[in-house]
PDB file of all heavy atoms in Angstrom:
ATOM      1  N   TYR A   1      -5.387  85.518  14.521  1.00  0.00           N
ATOM      2  CA  TYR A   1      -6.648  85.848  13.773  1.00  0.00           C
ATOM      3  C   TYR A   1      -6.993  84.695  12.866  1.00  0.00           C
ATOM      4  O   TYR A   1      -7.910  84.721  12.087  1.00  0.00           O
ATOM      5  CB  TYR A   1      -6.439  87.125  12.954  1.00  0.00           C
ATOM      6  CG  TYR A   1      -6.401  88.365  13.874  1.00  0.00           C
ATOM      7  CD1 TYR A   1      -5.474  89.359  13.635  1.00  0.00           C
ATOM      8  CD2 TYR A   1      -7.328  88.498  14.929  1.00  0.00           C
ATOM      9  CE1 TYR A   1      -5.473  90.488  14.431  1.00  0.00           C
ATOM     10  CE2 TYR A   1      -7.229  89.651  15.741  1.00  0.00           C
ATOM     11  CZ  TYR A   1      -6.323  90.625  15.456  1.00  0.00           C
ATOM     12  OH  TYR A   1      -6.313  91.730  16.263  1.00  0.00           O
ATOM     13  N   ASP A   2      -6.213  83.568  12.965  1.00  0.00           N
ATOM     14  CA  ASP A   2      -6.554  82.378  12.291  1.00  0.00           C
ATOM     15  C   ASP A   2      -7.659  81.683  13.115  1.00  0.00           C
ATOM     16  O   ASP A   2      -7.504  81.502  14.373  1.00  0.00           O
ATOM     17  CB  ASP A   2      -5.324  81.493  12.186  1.00  0.00           C
ATOM     18  CG  ASP A   2      -5.576  80.250  11.348  1.00  0.00           C
ATOM     19  OD1 ASP A   2      -6.707  79.651  11.383  1.00  0.00           O
ATOM     20  OD2 ASP A   2      -4.640  79.770  10.694  1.00  0.00           O
ATOM     21  N   ALA A   3      -8.713  81.156  12.478  1.00  0.00           N
ATOM     22  CA  ALA A   3      -9.761  80.488  13.248  1.00  0.00           C
ATOM     23  C   ALA A   3      -9.265  79.357  14.096  1.00  0.00           C
ATOM     24  O   ALA A   3      -9.795  79.106  15.157  1.00  0.00           O
ATOM     25  CB  ALA A   3     -10.843  80.026  12.250  1.00  0.00           C
ATOM     26  N   LYS A   4      -8.221  78.682  13.569  1.00  0.00           N
ATOM     27  CA  LYS A   4      -7.701  77.497  14.378  1.00  0.00           C
ATOM     28  C   LYS A   4      -7.044  77.902  15.652  1.00  0.00           C
ATOM     29  O   LYS A   4      -6.914  77.065  16.530  1.00  0.00           O
ATOM     30  CB  LYS A   4      -6.713  76.766  13.440  1.00  0.00           C
ATOM     31  CG  LYS A   4      -7.351  76.160  12.223  1.00  0.00           C
ATOM     32  CD  LYS A   4      -6.316  75.424  11.390  1.00  0.00           C
ATOM     33  CE  LYS A   4      -6.966  74.822  10.107  1.00  0.00           C
ATOM     34  NZ  LYS A   4      -5.938  74.155   9.293  1.00  0.00           N
ATOM     35  N   THR A   5      -6.600  79.115  15.777  1.00  0.00           N
ATOM     36  CA  THR A   5      -5.916  79.550  16.966  1.00  0.00           C
ATOM     37  C   THR A   5      -6.702  80.561  17.799  1.00  0.00           C
ATOM     38  O   THR A   5      -6.239  81.213  18.683  1.00  0.00           O
ATOM     39  CB  THR A   5      -4.510  80.170  16.641  1.00  0.00           C
ATOM     40  OG1 THR A   5      -4.681  81.212  15.701  1.00  0.00           O
ATOM     41  CG2 THR A   5      -3.637  79.104  16.108  1.00  0.00           C
ATOM     42  N   ASP A   6      -7.991  80.754  17.440  1.00  0.00           N
ATOM     43  CA  ASP A   6      -8.909  81.692  18.114  1.00  0.00           C
ATOM     44  C   ASP A   6      -9.075  81.237  19.590  1.00  0.00           C
ATOM     45  O   ASP A   6      -9.495  80.085  19.821  1.00  0.00           O
ATOM     46  CB  ASP A   6     -10.271  81.698  17.432  1.00  0.00           C
ATOM     47  CG  ASP A   6     -11.306  82.557  18.090  1.00  0.00           C
ATOM     48  OD1 ASP A   6     -10.940  83.274  19.044  1.00  0.00           O
ATOM     49  OD2 ASP A   6     -12.467  82.548  17.627  1.00  0.00           O
ATOM     50  N   TYR A   7      -8.740  82.097  20.527  1.00  0.00           N
ATOM     51  CA  TYR A   7      -8.775  81.766  21.921  1.00  0.00           C
ATOM     52  C   TYR A   7     -10.179  81.288  22.309  1.00  0.00           C
ATOM     53  O   TYR A   7     -10.324  80.388  23.170  1.00  0.00           O
ATOM     54  CB  TYR A   7      -8.414  83.074  22.759  1.00  0.00           C
ATOM     55  CG  TYR A   7      -8.384  82.853  24.261  1.00  0.00           C
ATOM     56  CD1 TYR A   7      -7.184  82.584  24.859  1.00  0.00           C
ATOM     57  CD2 TYR A   7      -9.536  83.004  25.032  1.00  0.00           C
ATOM     58  CE1 TYR A   7      -7.086  82.437  26.282  1.00  0.00           C
ATOM     59  CE2 TYR A   7      -9.480  82.897  26.444  1.00  0.00           C
ATOM     60  CZ  TYR A   7      -8.273  82.589  27.042  1.00  0.00           C
ATOM     61  OH  TYR A   7      -8.212  82.442  28.423  1.00  0.00           O
ATOM     62  N   TRP A   8     -11.218  81.914  21.773  1.00  0.00           N
ATOM     63  CA  TRP A   8     -12.572  81.616  22.161  1.00  0.00           C
ATOM     64  C   TRP A   8     -13.287  80.661  21.236  1.00  0.00           C
ATOM     65  O   TRP A   8     -14.559  80.520  21.294  1.00  0.00           O
ATOM     66  CB  TRP A   8     -13.408  82.900  22.273  1.00  0.00           C
ATOM     67  CG  TRP A   8     -12.900  83.826  23.322  1.00  0.00           C
ATOM     68  CD1 TRP A   8     -12.225  85.047  23.128  1.00  0.00           C
ATOM     69  CD2 TRP A   8     -13.052  83.705  24.753  1.00  0.00           C
ATOM     70  NE1 TRP A   8     -11.962  85.616  24.326  1.00  0.00           N
ATOM     71  CE2 TRP A   8     -12.451  84.847  25.359  1.00  0.00           C
ATOM     72  CE3 TRP A   8     -13.723  82.780  25.551  1.00  0.00           C
ATOM     73  CZ2 TRP A   8     -12.445  85.048  26.672  1.00  0.00           C
ATOM     74  CZ3 TRP A   8     -13.647  82.961  26.937  1.00  0.00           C
ATOM     75  CH2 TRP A   8     -13.022  84.104  27.482  1.00  0.00           C
ATOM     76  N   ARG A   9     -12.566  79.995  20.334  1.00  0.00           N
ATOM     77  CA  ARG A   9     -13.151  79.154  19.291  1.00  0.00           C
ATOM     78  C   ARG A   9     -14.145  78.132  19.882  1.00  0.00           C
ATOM     79  O   ARG A   9     -15.253  77.951  19.364  1.00  0.00           O
ATOM     80  CB  ARG A   9     -12.103  78.491  18.481  1.00  0.00           C
ATOM     81  CG  ARG A   9     -12.608  77.711  17.279  1.00  0.00           C
ATOM     82  CD  ARG A   9     -11.515  76.982  16.549  1.00  0.00           C
ATOM     83  NE  ARG A   9     -11.990  76.281  15.411  1.00  0.00           N
ATOM     84  CZ  ARG A   9     -11.367  75.315  14.790  1.00  0.00           C
ATOM     85  NH1 ARG A   9     -10.224  74.879  15.315  1.00  0.00           N
ATOM     86  NH2 ARG A   9     -11.852  74.733  13.712  1.00  0.00           N
ATOM     87  N   ARG A  10     -13.660  77.430  20.891  1.00  0.00           N
ATOM     88  CA  ARG A  10     -14.521  76.313  21.438  1.00  0.00           C
ATOM     89  C   ARG A  10     -15.846  76.885  22.081  1.00  0.00           C
ATOM     90  O   ARG A  10     -16.913  76.206  21.951  1.00  0.00           O
ATOM     91  CB  ARG A  10     -13.772  75.526  22.498  1.00  0.00           C
ATOM     92  CG  ARG A  10     -12.741  74.635  21.864  1.00  0.00           C
ATOM     93  CD  ARG A  10     -12.223  73.583  22.828  1.00  0.00           C
ATOM     94  NE  ARG A  10     -11.236  72.666  22.259  1.00  0.00           N
ATOM     95  CZ  ARG A  10     -10.752  71.637  22.834  1.00  0.00           C
ATOM     96  NH1 ARG A  10     -11.065  71.365  24.063  1.00  0.00           N
ATOM     97  NH2 ARG A  10      -9.836  70.874  22.254  1.00  0.00           N
ATOM     98  N   LEU A  11     -15.751  78.051  22.655  1.00  0.00           N
ATOM     99  CA  LEU A  11     -16.948  78.592  23.259  1.00  0.00           C
ATOM    100  C   LEU A  11     -17.905  79.048  22.163  1.00  0.00           C
ATOM    101  O   LEU A  11     -19.116  78.842  22.212  1.00  0.00           O
ATOM    102  CB  LEU A  11     -16.615  79.793  24.135  1.00  0.00           C
ATOM    103  CG  LEU A  11     -17.843  80.486  24.826  1.00  0.00           C
ATOM    104  CD1 LEU A  11     -18.713  79.450  25.590  1.00  0.00           C
ATOM    105  CD2 LEU A  11     -17.358  81.580  25.756  1.00  0.00           C
ATOM    106  N   ARG A  12     -17.411  79.725  21.079  1.00  0.00           N
ATOM    107  CA  ARG A  12     -18.264  80.127  19.956  1.00  0.00           C
ATOM    108  C   ARG A  12     -18.966  78.939  19.410  1.00  0.00           C
ATOM    109  O   ARG A  12     -20.166  78.909  19.146  1.00  0.00           O
ATOM    110  CB  ARG A  12     -17.425  80.773  18.885  1.00  0.00           C
ATOM    111  CG  ARG A  12     -16.783  82.086  19.271  1.00  0.00           C
ATOM    112  CD  ARG A  12     -15.989  82.709  18.090  1.00  0.00           C
ATOM    113  NE  ARG A  12     -15.106  83.751  18.505  1.00  0.00           N
ATOM    114  CZ  ARG A  12     -15.441  84.961  18.788  1.00  0.00           C
ATOM    115  NH1 ARG A  12     -16.712  85.352  18.666  1.00  0.00           N
ATOM    116  NH2 ARG A  12     -14.528  85.874  19.181  1.00  0.00           N
ATOM    117  N   GLN A  13     -18.173  77.840  19.164  1.00  0.00           N
ATOM    118  CA  GLN A  13     -18.785  76.634  18.571  1.00  0.00           C
ATOM    119  C   GLN A  13     -19.822  76.061  19.469  1.00  0.00           C
ATOM    120  O   GLN A  13     -20.882  75.545  19.026  1.00  0.00           O
ATOM    121  CB  GLN A  13     -17.666  75.613  18.308  1.00  0.00           C
ATOM    122  CG  GLN A  13     -16.699  76.019  17.142  1.00  0.00           C
ATOM    123  CD  GLN A  13     -15.545  75.043  16.992  1.00  0.00           C
ATOM    124  OE1 GLN A  13     -15.160  74.360  17.922  1.00  0.00           O
ATOM    125  NE2 GLN A  13     -15.116  74.930  15.754  1.00  0.00           N
ATOM    126  N   ALA A  14     -19.578  76.069  20.772  1.00  0.00           N
ATOM    127  CA  ALA A  14     -20.527  75.473  21.753  1.00  0.00           C
ATOM    128  C   ALA A  14     -21.813  76.296  21.797  1.00  0.00           C
ATOM    129  O   ALA A  14     -22.926  75.746  21.904  1.00  0.00           O
ATOM    130  CB  ALA A  14     -19.913  75.433  23.142  1.00  0.00           C
ATOM    131  N   ILE A  15     -21.760  77.607  21.718  1.00  0.00           N
ATOM    132  CA  ILE A  15     -22.909  78.451  21.736  1.00  0.00           C
ATOM    133  C   ILE A  15     -23.747  78.201  20.444  1.00  0.00           C
ATOM    134  O   ILE A  15     -24.954  78.129  20.499  1.00  0.00           O
ATOM    135  CB  ILE A  15     -22.534  79.941  21.898  1.00  0.00           C
ATOM    136  CG1 ILE A  15     -21.966  80.184  23.327  1.00  0.00           C
ATOM    137  CG2 ILE A  15     -23.785  80.878  21.688  1.00  0.00           C
ATOM    138  CD1 ILE A  15     -21.426  81.561  23.563  1.00  0.00           C
ATOM    139  N   ILE A  16     -23.042  78.180  19.321  1.00  0.00           N
ATOM    140  CA  ILE A  16     -23.758  77.855  18.087  1.00  0.00           C
ATOM    141  C   ILE A  16     -24.477  76.509  18.153  1.00  0.00           C
ATOM    142  O   ILE A  16     -25.640  76.410  17.803  1.00  0.00           O
ATOM    143  CB  ILE A  16     -22.746  77.895  16.890  1.00  0.00           C
ATOM    144  CG1 ILE A  16     -22.185  79.304  16.677  1.00  0.00           C
ATOM    145  CG2 ILE A  16     -23.434  77.354  15.627  1.00  0.00           C
ATOM    146  CD1 ILE A  16     -21.015  79.325  15.744  1.00  0.00           C
ATOM    147  N   SER A  17     -23.743  75.502  18.590  1.00  0.00           N
ATOM    148  CA  SER A  17     -24.362  74.207  18.719  1.00  0.00           C
ATOM    149  C   SER A  17     -25.522  74.156  19.728  1.00  0.00           C
ATOM    150  O   SER A  17     -26.548  73.492  19.459  1.00  0.00           O
ATOM    151  CB  SER A  17     -23.274  73.197  19.186  1.00  0.00           C
ATOM    152  OG  SER A  17     -23.813  71.909  19.373  1.00  0.00           O
ATOM    153  N   PHE A  18     -25.360  74.850  20.792  1.00  0.00           N
ATOM    154  CA  PHE A  18     -26.444  74.971  21.841  1.00  0.00           C
ATOM    155  C   PHE A  18     -27.765  75.431  21.213  1.00  0.00           C
ATOM    156  O   PHE A  18     -28.810  74.879  21.428  1.00  0.00           O
ATOM    157  CB  PHE A  18     -26.018  75.943  22.903  1.00  0.00           C
ATOM    158  CG  PHE A  18     -27.058  76.275  23.887  1.00  0.00           C
ATOM    159  CD1 PHE A  18     -27.407  75.447  24.930  1.00  0.00           C
ATOM    160  CD2 PHE A  18     -27.783  77.459  23.803  1.00  0.00           C
ATOM    161  CE1 PHE A  18     -28.360  75.809  25.871  1.00  0.00           C
ATOM    162  CE2 PHE A  18     -28.780  77.843  24.631  1.00  0.00           C
ATOM    163  CZ  PHE A  18     -29.097  76.952  25.736  1.00  0.00           C
ATOM    164  N   HIS A  19     -27.639  76.456  20.333  1.00  0.00           N
ATOM    165  CA  HIS A  19     -28.895  76.997  19.719  1.00  0.00           C
ATOM    166  C   HIS A  19     -29.385  76.152  18.594  1.00  0.00           C
ATOM    167  O   HIS A  19     -30.601  75.932  18.400  1.00  0.00           O
ATOM    168  CB  HIS A  19     -28.662  78.485  19.297  1.00  0.00           C
ATOM    169  CG  HIS A  19     -28.530  79.402  20.451  1.00  0.00           C
ATOM    170  ND1 HIS A  19     -29.598  79.737  21.240  1.00  0.00           N
ATOM    171  CD2 HIS A  19     -27.452  80.104  20.906  1.00  0.00           C
ATOM    172  CE1 HIS A  19     -29.173  80.636  22.223  1.00  0.00           C
ATOM    173  NE2 HIS A  19     -27.887  80.843  21.985  1.00  0.00           N
ATOM    174  N   LYS A  20     -28.480  75.679  17.780  1.00  0.00           N
ATOM    175  CA  LYS A  20     -28.877  74.888  16.562  1.00  0.00           C
ATOM    176  C   LYS A  20     -29.496  73.579  17.000  1.00  0.00           C
ATOM    177  O   LYS A  20     -30.441  73.127  16.360  1.00  0.00           O
ATOM    178  CB  LYS A  20     -27.663  74.595  15.689  1.00  0.00           C
ATOM    179  CG  LYS A  20     -27.201  75.785  14.869  1.00  0.00           C
ATOM    180  CD  LYS A  20     -25.971  75.429  14.004  1.00  0.00           C
ATOM    181  CE  LYS A  20     -26.364  74.538  12.866  1.00  0.00           C
ATOM    182  NZ  LYS A  20     -25.237  74.365  11.897  1.00  0.00           N
ATOM    183  N   ASN A  21     -28.943  72.973  18.012  1.00  0.00           N
ATOM    184  CA  ASN A  21     -29.363  71.621  18.431  1.00  0.00           C
ATOM    185  C   ASN A  21     -30.250  71.601  19.660  1.00  0.00           C
ATOM    186  O   ASN A  21     -30.517  70.530  20.220  1.00  0.00           O
ATOM    187  CB  ASN A  21     -28.162  70.722  18.632  1.00  0.00           C
ATOM    188  CG  ASN A  21     -27.307  70.635  17.424  1.00  0.00           C
ATOM    189  OD1 ASN A  21     -27.792  70.445  16.282  1.00  0.00           O
ATOM    190  ND2 ASN A  21     -26.023  70.864  17.524  1.00  0.00           N
ATOM    191  N   VAL A  22     -30.673  72.777  20.134  1.00  0.00           N
ATOM    192  CA  VAL A  22     -31.495  72.882  21.374  1.00  0.00           C
ATOM    193  C   VAL A  22     -30.800  72.159  22.500  1.00  0.00           C
ATOM    194  O   VAL A  22     -31.353  71.221  23.110  1.00  0.00           O
ATOM    195  CB  VAL A  22     -32.927  72.354  21.118  1.00  0.00           C
ATOM    196  CG1 VAL A  22     -33.811  72.778  22.280  1.00  0.00           C
ATOM    197  CG2 VAL A  22     -33.495  72.832  19.828  1.00  0.00           C
ATOM    198  N   GLY A  23     -29.565  72.565  22.808  1.00  0.00           N
ATOM    199  CA  GLY A  23     -28.783  71.893  23.838  1.00  0.00           C
ATOM    200  C   GLY A  23     -29.198  72.377  25.222  1.00  0.00           C
ATOM    201  O   GLY A  23     -30.110  73.121  25.435  1.00  0.00           O
ATOM    202  N   SER A  24     -28.468  71.828  26.171  1.00  0.00           N
ATOM    203  CA  SER A  24     -28.716  72.164  27.598  1.00  0.00           C
ATOM    204  C   SER A  24     -27.692  73.061  28.199  1.00  0.00           C
ATOM    205  O   SER A  24     -26.601  73.201  27.607  1.00  0.00           O
ATOM    206  CB  SER A  24     -28.745  70.834  28.409  1.00  0.00           C
ATOM    207  OG  SER A  24     -27.452  70.317  28.529  1.00  0.00           O
ATOM    208  N   ILE A  25     -28.029  73.708  29.300  1.00  0.00           N
ATOM    209  CA  ILE A  25     -27.067  74.550  29.999  1.00  0.00           C
ATOM    210  C   ILE A  25     -25.823  73.778  30.385  1.00  0.00           C
ATOM    211  O   ILE A  25     -24.706  74.281  30.314  1.00  0.00           O
ATOM    212  CB  ILE A  25     -27.698  75.230  31.238  1.00  0.00           C
ATOM    213  CG1 ILE A  25     -28.861  76.182  30.791  1.00  0.00           C
ATOM    214  CG2 ILE A  25     -26.650  75.964  32.046  1.00  0.00           C
ATOM    215  CD1 ILE A  25     -28.443  77.311  29.978  1.00  0.00           C
ATOM    216  N   ASP A  26     -26.042  72.500  30.727  1.00  0.00           N
ATOM    217  CA  ASP A  26     -24.893  71.668  31.119  1.00  0.00           C
ATOM    218  C   ASP A  26     -23.926  71.485  29.939  1.00  0.00           C
ATOM    219  O   ASP A  26     -22.690  71.360  30.165  1.00  0.00           O
ATOM    220  CB  ASP A  26     -25.401  70.295  31.592  1.00  0.00           C
ATOM    221  CG  ASP A  26     -26.002  70.347  32.983  1.00  0.00           C
ATOM    222  OD1 ASP A  26     -25.708  71.352  33.725  1.00  0.00           O
ATOM    223  OD2 ASP A  26     -26.809  69.445  33.292  1.00  0.00           O
ATOM    224  N   ASP A  27     -24.425  71.503  28.749  1.00  0.00           N
ATOM    225  CA  ASP A  27     -23.584  71.385  27.569  1.00  0.00           C
ATOM    226  C   ASP A  27     -22.618  72.576  27.487  1.00  0.00           C
ATOM    227  O   ASP A  27     -21.424  72.412  27.196  1.00  0.00           O
ATOM    228  CB  ASP A  27     -24.407  71.324  26.241  1.00  0.00           C
ATOM    229  CG  ASP A  27     -25.233  70.091  26.132  1.00  0.00           C
ATOM    230  OD1 ASP A  27     -24.801  69.065  26.726  1.00  0.00           O
ATOM    231  OD2 ASP A  27     -26.209  70.126  25.400  1.00  0.00           O
ATOM    232  N   LEU A  28     -23.144  73.775  27.853  1.00  0.00           N
ATOM    233  CA  LEU A  28     -22.284  74.947  27.819  1.00  0.00           C
ATOM    234  C   LEU A  28     -21.222  74.931  28.947  1.00  0.00           C
ATOM    235  O   LEU A  28     -20.079  75.207  28.794  1.00  0.00           O
ATOM    236  CB  LEU A  28     -23.142  76.223  27.953  1.00  0.00           C
ATOM    237  CG  LEU A  28     -24.008  76.621  26.797  1.00  0.00           C
ATOM    238  CD1 LEU A  28     -24.891  77.848  27.121  1.00  0.00           C
ATOM    239  CD2 LEU A  28     -23.160  76.891  25.502  1.00  0.00           C
TER     240      LEU A  28
END
């Protein structure tokens, strides 16, 4: 339950970045 060991942390961060920075599907 520590953010640093969250199994899905990288995906959460990628989805946030995708929307904040108007990313591409390839980024995901």
